[in-house]
């Protein structure tokens, strides 16, 4: 949530003055410029808020990249 609220995070709906095409994550793509490109979400389908972050391979093996609460 902290990364989503960062002023550098973008919710993208278009590309070069056109509607975002499917291959670029239409209809909405989140862009987190300071994260590695391969870790960006390509397409948002659903947003769900949870109290605690679920364990994944990314936050297990690269825990320094994530904020733990």
Protein backbone atom coordinates (compact mmCIF):
# COMPACT_ATOMS: atom_id res chain seq x y z
CA UNK A 1 0.00 0.00 0.00
CA UNK A 2 2.90 2.35 0.77
CA UNK A 3 4.30 1.83 -2.72
CA UNK A 4 0.89 2.37 -4.31
CA UNK A 5 0.50 5.67 -2.44
CA UNK A 6 3.96 6.92 -3.44
CA UNK A 7 3.76 10.07 -5.61
CA UNK A 8 5.92 8.39 -8.28
CA UNK A 9 3.51 5.46 -8.75
CA UNK A 10 1.30 5.73 -11.84
CA UNK A 11 -2.01 4.14 -12.81
CA UNK A 12 -1.74 4.03 -16.58
CA UNK A 13 -4.75 3.96 -18.91
CA UNK A 14 -3.08 5.14 -22.11
CA UNK A 15 0.12 5.05 -24.10
CA UNK A 16 1.23 7.70 -26.63
CA UNK A 17 -2.17 9.45 -26.64
CA UNK A 18 -3.98 6.16 -27.35
CA UNK A 19 -6.00 3.77 -25.19
CA UNK A 20 -3.70 1.24 -23.51
CA UNK A 21 -3.50 -1.84 -25.77
CA UNK A 22 -3.98 -5.37 -24.41
CA UNK A 23 -0.30 -6.28 -24.83
CA UNK A 24 0.59 -3.37 -22.54
CA UNK A 25 -1.86 -4.31 -19.79
CA UNK A 26 -5.21 -2.80 -20.80
CA UNK A 27 -7.43 -1.48 -19.33
CA UNK A 28 -5.30 -0.29 -16.37
CA UNK A 29 -1.64 -0.93 -15.55
CA UNK A 30 0.24 0.11 -12.43
CA UNK A 31 3.73 1.50 -12.98
CA UNK A 32 6.21 1.57 -10.11
CA UNK A 33 9.28 3.20 -11.71
CA UNK A 34 11.80 2.47 -8.95
CA UNK A 35 11.10 -1.29 -8.97
CA UNK A 36 12.60 -3.66 -11.48
CA UNK A 37 10.59 -3.77 -14.67
CA UNK A 38 9.78 -7.49 -14.43
CA UNK A 39 8.14 -6.93 -11.03
CA UNK A 40 5.53 -4.47 -12.31
CA UNK A 41 1.97 -5.68 -12.55
CA UNK A 42 1.00 -5.95 -16.19
CA UNK A 43 -2.74 -5.65 -15.71
CA UNK A 44 -4.97 -4.92 -12.73
CA UNK A 45 -8.01 -7.15 -12.57
CA UNK A 46 -8.99 -6.79 -8.92
CA UNK A 47 -7.75 -4.82 -5.90
CA UNK A 48 -8.08 -6.46 -2.52
CA UNK A 49 -6.96 -4.97 0.81
CA UNK A 50 -5.63 -7.37 3.41
CA UNK A 51 -4.23 -6.80 6.89
CA UNK A 52 -1.03 -8.78 6.40
CA UNK A 53 1.07 -9.38 3.27
CA UNK A 54 0.84 -12.96 2.01
CA UNK A 55 4.14 -14.85 1.67
CA UNK A 56 5.31 -15.15 -1.94
CA UNK A 57 8.56 -16.22 -3.55
CA UNK A 58 9.44 -12.55 -4.17
CA UNK A 59 9.11 -11.35 -0.58
CA UNK A 60 10.60 -14.59 0.79
CA UNK A 61 13.81 -14.54 -1.25
CA UNK A 62 14.24 -10.75 -1.64
CA UNK A 63 12.85 -9.53 1.67
CA UNK A 64 14.99 -6.36 1.60
CA UNK A 65 12.80 -5.13 -1.29
CA UNK A 66 9.64 -5.21 0.83
CA UNK A 67 8.42 -3.40 3.90
CA UNK A 68 7.50 -5.82 6.65
CA UNK A 69 4.96 -4.81 9.29
